């Protein structure tokens, strides 16, 4: 059975909810940014009360269209400060959204449960050593340092296989790994190093992945993160991410119907309200 921070995920288990907590002022969704101690405390406690299974801390925005790189020291301080606050407020398992080894070490030393690496262990060459030593649970995203040409569904599956192989080479059991197709991180152009270049339209890629999730699962639980992202704004013609809640919820329903096991979201309460229905509609729930 696959587990993430001791919580069973995938197969007939309920769809799990990962709440997003951004302690990075440069993040694209301003409503999610919490930098003060009382804001972090109140937000994470509210997430727990609303039914979140995990909290995912981001200390640096990696949105492809933003110039948001901060120093590793700054990212680490933001995350470690948040971890200490959260641990005093709730027992929610803590996921850390980072692809930098030094940041991961400091988070894991404090007791973080999960490393959510948007590069699938490919950005920082020292991350493998960190994973080997600390043996955290992992969320691995599809990522390439080189341009990805061709069928994006097939290529995404190949990239995830590469990351799975890397994790297994570090001694991590597949039972501790969740995959993420990296919706929103494949672009023709971008302003940072944390996206994958493609030769096709990014919107088409994202929509294609969402409708073909089952084909890329590879017997691993799948996490999907679409909350308030650009492709939703493009479809809805909503430039302000705060206007994208209906589109986010509709897309999360589609993701669950098509095989998502974990939804990473800014909107814990609203998302939890729709995923159980979506799970029923997917006919993956044997009680239907």
Protein backbone atom coordinates (compact mmCIF):
# COMPACT_ATOMS: atom_id res chain seq x y z
CA UNK A 1 0.00 0.00 0.00
CA UNK A 2 1.27 3.44 -0.91
CA UNK A 3 1.47 5.97 1.88
CA UNK A 4 2.45 9.61 2.11
CA UNK A 5 3.46 10.59 5.66
CA UNK A 6 1.77 7.38 6.90
CA UNK A 7 -1.52 8.32 5.21
CA UNK A 8 -2.72 5.69 2.70
CA UNK A 9 -3.08 7.13 -0.79
CA UNK A 10 -4.29 5.80 -4.11
CA UNK A 11 -6.45 2.85 -5.13
CA UNK A 12 -9.71 2.74 -3.13
CA UNK A 13 -8.58 5.26 -0.52
CA UNK A 14 -10.32 8.64 -0.38
CA UNK A 15 -8.93 11.43 -2.51
CA UNK A 16 -6.54 13.29 -0.24
CA UNK A 17 -6.24 17.06 0.04
CA UNK A 18 -2.93 18.90 0.23
CA UNK A 19 -3.36 22.51 1.33
CA UNK A 20 -0.97 25.09 -0.10
CA UNK A 21 0.76 27.50 2.26
CA UNK A 22 2.99 30.04 0.52
CA UNK A 23 5.43 31.91 2.74
CA UNK A 24 6.93 33.47 -0.37
CA UNK A 25 5.70 37.05 -1.00
CA UNK A 26 6.39 36.68 -4.72
CA UNK A 27 3.91 33.81 -5.23
CA UNK A 28 1.40 34.26 -8.03
CA UNK A 29 -1.72 33.71 -5.89
CA UNK A 30 -1.56 36.57 -3.43
CA UNK A 31 -4.39 35.27 -1.29
CA UNK A 32 -2.29 32.22 -0.39
CA UNK A 33 0.66 34.22 0.92
CA UNK A 34 1.10 34.10 4.69
CA UNK A 35 4.30 35.53 6.16
CA UNK A 36 3.39 36.51 9.71
CA UNK A 37 3.32 34.04 12.60
CA UNK A 38 -0.35 34.59 13.39
CA UNK A 39 -1.30 34.29 9.70
CA UNK A 40 0.53 31.00 9.34
CA UNK A 41 -0.94 29.62 12.57
CA UNK A 42 -4.49 30.59 11.70
CA UNK A 43 -4.23 29.36 8.12
CA UNK A 44 -2.84 25.93 8.91
CA UNK A 45 -5.31 25.39 11.74
CA UNK A 46 -8.13 26.34 9.39
CA UNK A 47 -6.82 23.91 6.79
CA UNK A 48 -6.86 21.13 9.37
CA UNK A 49 -10.40 21.98 10.45
CA UNK A 50 -11.55 22.08 6.83
CA UNK A 51 -10.24 18.57 6.18
CA UNK A 52 -6.75 18.89 4.71
CA UNK A 53 -4.60 15.76 4.94
CA UNK A 54 -1.27 17.56 4.39
CA UNK A 55 0.09 21.10 4.28
CA UNK A 56 2.59 21.98 1.55
CA UNK A 57 4.96 24.86 2.33
CA UNK A 58 6.43 26.92 -0.48
CA UNK A 59 9.33 29.25 0.28
CA UNK A 60 9.97 30.44 -3.27
CA UNK A 61 7.62 30.83 -6.21
CA UNK A 62 8.53 28.69 -9.21
CA UNK A 63 5.85 29.99 -11.58
CA UNK A 64 7.46 29.87 -15.06
CA UNK A 65 6.31 33.34 -16.05
CA UNK A 66 7.69 35.13 -12.97
CA UNK A 67 11.22 36.23 -12.08
CA UNK A 68 11.10 35.03 -8.50
CA UNK A 69 14.40 33.34 -7.63
CA UNK A 70 15.56 34.02 -4.09
CA UNK A 71 18.70 32.81 -2.33
CA UNK A 72 18.74 29.35 -0.78
CA UNK A 73 19.31 31.02 2.57
CA UNK A 74 16.12 33.08 2.18
CA UNK A 75 14.07 30.11 0.99
CA UNK A 76 15.32 27.95 3.85
CA UNK A 77 14.60 30.56 6.51
CA UNK A 78 11.07 31.10 5.26
CA UNK A 79 10.38 27.37 5.30
CA UNK A 80 12.03 26.52 8.60
CA UNK A 81 10.28 29.40 10.35
CA UNK A 82 6.96 28.14 9.01
CA UNK A 83 7.65 24.54 10.01
CA UNK A 84 8.27 25.56 13.63
CA UNK A 85 5.03 27.55 13.72
CA UNK A 86 3.02 24.74 12.16
CA UNK A 87 4.39 22.08 14.49
CA UNK A 88 3.22 24.11 17.46
CA UNK A 89 -0.26 24.51 16.00
CA UNK A 90 -1.24 21.29 14.28
CA UNK A 91 -0.31 17.66 13.66
CA UNK A 92 -0.82 17.90 9.90
CA UNK A 93 1.97 16.17 7.98
CA UNK A 94 4.31 18.73 6.45
CA UNK A 95 5.35 18.71 2.82
CA UNK A 96 8.06 21.08 1.64
CA UNK A 97 7.96 22.37 -1.93
CA UNK A 98 11.63 22.71 -2.87
CA UNK A 99 14.10 21.38 -5.42
CA UNK A 100 17.18 22.62 -3.55
CA UNK A 101 19.16 20.13 -1.48
CA UNK A 102 20.31 22.55 1.22
CA UNK A 103 16.75 23.71 1.82
CA UNK A 104 15.49 20.13 1.96
CA UNK A 105 18.13 19.22 4.56
CA UNK A 106 17.09 22.01 6.91
CA UNK A 107 13.41 21.15 6.52
CA UNK A 108 13.99 17.43 7.11
CA UNK A 109 16.17 18.12 10.15
CA UNK A 110 13.14 19.89 11.67
CA UNK A 111 10.88 16.94 10.96
CA UNK A 112 9.26 17.66 7.60
CA UNK A 113 7.61 14.50 6.29
CA UNK A 114 7.57 14.99 2.52
CA UNK A 115 9.79 16.60 -0.10
CA UNK A 116 7.77 17.90 -3.05
CA UNK A 117 10.41 18.37 -5.75
CA UNK A 118 9.07 20.10 -8.86
CA UNK A 119 12.18 18.97 -10.73
CA UNK A 120 11.70 15.30 -9.91
CA UNK A 121 15.18 15.19 -8.28
CA UNK A 122 16.83 16.57 -11.43
CA UNK A 123 17.56 20.23 -10.63
CA UNK A 124 20.05 19.90 -7.79
CA UNK A 125 22.62 17.14 -8.12
CA UNK A 126 22.99 16.90 -4.34
CA UNK A 127 19.29 16.18 -3.77
CA UNK A 128 19.83 12.45 -4.37
CA UNK A 129 22.28 12.29 -1.46
CA UNK A 130 19.82 14.12 0.78
CA UNK A 131 17.06 11.71 -0.15
CA UNK A 132 19.33 8.73 0.45
CA UNK A 133 20.28 9.93 3.93
CA UNK A 134 16.90 11.16 5.22
CA UNK A 135 14.56 8.80 3.31
CA UNK A 136 11.58 11.18 3.15
CA UNK A 137 8.36 10.47 1.33
CA UNK A 138 8.37 12.10 -2.08
CA UNK A 139 6.23 13.94 -4.57
CA UNK A 140 8.08 13.86 -7.89
CA UNK A 141 7.10 16.16 -10.74
CA UNK A 142 7.74 15.70 -14.44
CA UNK A 143 10.70 17.86 -15.44
CA UNK A 144 13.48 18.11 -17.99
CA UNK A 145 16.45 20.43 -18.35
CA UNK A 146 16.16 19.99 -22.12
CA UNK A 147 13.37 20.88 -24.55
CA UNK A 148 10.70 18.19 -24.76
CA UNK A 149 9.54 17.51 -28.31
CA UNK A 150 6.75 15.23 -29.45
CA UNK A 151 3.74 13.65 -27.77
CA UNK A 152 3.54 15.43 -24.43
CA UNK A 153 1.59 12.67 -22.67
CA UNK A 154 4.16 10.07 -23.70
CA UNK A 155 7.07 12.36 -22.86
CA UNK A 156 5.63 13.23 -19.45
CA UNK A 157 5.37 9.55 -18.65
CA UNK A 158 9.02 9.07 -19.66
CA UNK A 159 10.16 11.98 -17.48
CA UNK A 160 8.32 10.58 -14.48
CA UNK A 161 9.92 7.19 -15.07
CA UNK A 162 13.32 8.88 -14.94
CA UNK A 163 12.50 10.46 -11.58
CA UNK A 164 11.19 7.17 -10.21
CA UNK A 165 14.45 5.52 -11.22
CA UNK A 166 16.45 8.26 -9.48
CA UNK A 167 14.45 7.87 -6.27
CA UNK A 168 14.82 4.11 -6.30
CA UNK A 169 18.59 4.47 -6.84
CA UNK A 170 18.61 6.39 -3.55
CA UNK A 171 16.85 3.51 -1.82
CA UNK A 172 13.37 5.03 -1.69
CA UNK A 173 10.57 2.49 -1.94
CA UNK A 174 7.97 3.12 -4.63
CA UNK A 175 5.43 2.83 -1.81
CA UNK A 176 6.63 6.23 -0.54
CA UNK A 177 6.40 8.03 -3.89
CA UNK A 178 3.62 10.05 -5.48
CA UNK A 179 3.88 11.42 -9.03
CA UNK A 180 2.83 14.84 -10.33
CA UNK A 181 2.46 15.55 -14.09
CA UNK A 182 3.46 19.19 -13.48
CA UNK A 183 0.47 21.01 -14.87
CA UNK A 184 1.51 24.59 -15.66
CA UNK A 185 5.27 23.97 -15.70
CA UNK A 186 5.76 23.16 -19.39
CA UNK A 187 6.22 26.30 -21.50
CA UNK A 188 7.86 27.55 -24.67
CA UNK A 189 9.45 30.41 -22.75
CA UNK A 190 9.87 31.38 -19.12
CA UNK A 191 11.75 33.59 -16.69
CA UNK A 192 13.24 31.01 -14.33
CA UNK A 193 15.03 27.63 -14.46
CA UNK A 194 12.19 25.64 -12.92
CA UNK A 195 10.08 24.92 -15.99
CA UNK A 196 10.36 22.47 -18.88
CA UNK A 197 10.66 23.88 -22.39
CA UNK A 198 8.35 22.41 -25.02
CA UNK A 199 7.81 23.06 -28.72
CA UNK A 200 4.02 22.88 -28.51
CA UNK A 201 1.40 25.13 -26.95
CA UNK A 202 1.42 24.99 -23.14
CA UNK A 203 -2.37 25.17 -22.87
CA UNK A 204 -2.80 22.19 -25.17
CA UNK A 205 -0.22 20.27 -23.17
CA UNK A 206 -1.98 20.91 -19.86
CA UNK A 207 -5.39 19.96 -21.20
CA UNK A 208 -4.01 16.84 -22.83
CA UNK A 209 -2.42 15.73 -19.57
CA UNK A 210 -5.62 16.31 -17.60
CA UNK A 211 -7.61 14.10 -19.92
CA UNK A 212 -4.98 11.35 -19.96
CA UNK A 213 -3.98 11.07 -16.31
CA UNK A 214 -4.66 7.36 -16.07
CA UNK A 215 -2.15 6.62 -18.81
CA UNK A 216 0.73 8.24 -16.89
CA UNK A 217 0.11 6.85 -13.39
CA UNK A 218 2.59 3.97 -13.72
CA UNK A 219 1.07 2.16 -10.74
CA UNK A 220 1.86 5.14 -8.50
CA UNK A 221 -0.59 7.50 -6.78
CA UNK A 222 -0.98 10.73 -8.69
CA UNK A 223 -1.03 14.26 -7.28
CA UNK A 224 -2.56 17.01 -9.39
CA UNK A 225 -2.13 20.71 -8.70
CA UNK A 226 -4.26 23.01 -10.86
CA UNK A 227 -5.58 25.50 -8.32
CA UNK A 228 -5.96 28.98 -9.85
CA UNK A 229 -3.33 28.30 -12.52
CA UNK A 230 -2.78 30.13 -15.80
CA UNK A 231 -4.51 27.68 -18.08
CA UNK A 232 -7.72 28.14 -16.09
CA UNK A 233 -7.37 31.89 -16.43
CA UNK A 234 -6.78 31.48 -20.16
CA UNK A 235 -9.91 29.39 -20.62
CA UNK A 236 -12.07 31.60 -18.40
CA UNK A 237 -10.50 34.86 -19.60
CA UNK A 238 -9.68 35.74 -15.99
CA UNK A 239 -6.32 37.45 -15.53
CA UNK A 240 -6.68 37.72 -11.76
CA UNK A 241 -6.04 34.33 -10.08
CA UNK A 242 -8.57 35.23 -7.37
CA UNK A 243 -11.33 35.03 -10.00
CA UNK A 244 -10.55 31.43 -10.95
CA UNK A 245 -12.23 29.42 -8.17
CA UNK A 246 -15.06 27.98 -10.32
CA UNK A 247 -12.58 26.89 -12.97
CA UNK A 248 -10.28 25.42 -10.35
CA UNK A 249 -13.05 23.31 -8.85
CA UNK A 250 -14.27 22.14 -12.26
CA UNK A 251 -10.75 21.11 -13.22
CA UNK A 252 -10.20 19.31 -9.92
CA UNK A 253 -13.38 17.30 -10.54
CA UNK A 254 -12.04 16.35 -13.97
CA UNK A 255 -8.69 15.39 -12.46
CA UNK A 256 -10.28 13.08 -9.89
CA UNK A 257 -12.56 11.47 -12.47
CA UNK A 258 -9.50 10.83 -14.61
CA UNK A 259 -7.46 9.27 -11.81
CA UNK A 260 -5.97 11.87 -9.45
CA UNK A 261 -5.44 10.55 -5.91
CA UNK A 262 -4.32 13.78 -4.23
CA UNK A 263 -5.42 17.31 -5.02
CA UNK A 264 -3.04 20.09 -4.06
CA UNK A 265 -5.07 23.26 -3.66
CA UNK A 266 -5.38 26.77 -2.26
CA UNK A 267 -9.08 26.09 -1.63
CA UNK A 268 -9.25 23.28 0.93
CA UNK A 269 -12.87 23.66 2.03
CA UNK A 270 -14.30 24.03 -1.46
CA UNK A 271 -12.15 21.28 -2.93
CA UNK A 272 -13.00 18.78 -0.21
CA UNK A 273 -16.66 19.43 -0.90
CA UNK A 274 -16.39 18.31 -4.51
CA UNK A 275 -13.80 15.53 -4.53
CA UNK A 276 -15.94 12.88 -2.85
CA UNK A 277 -18.59 13.39 -5.53
CA UNK A 278 -15.93 13.28 -8.22
CA UNK A 279 -14.58 10.04 -6.75
CA UNK A 280 -18.03 8.50 -7.01
CA UNK A 281 -18.35 9.67 -10.59
CA UNK A 282 -15.01 8.13 -11.46
CA UNK A 283 -16.42 4.71 -10.57
CA UNK A 284 -13.17 3.93 -8.79
CA UNK A 285 -15.08 3.81 -5.53
CA UNK A 286 -16.26 0.21 -5.14
CA UNK A 287 -19.08 1.29 -2.88
CA UNK A 288 -20.87 2.91 -5.82
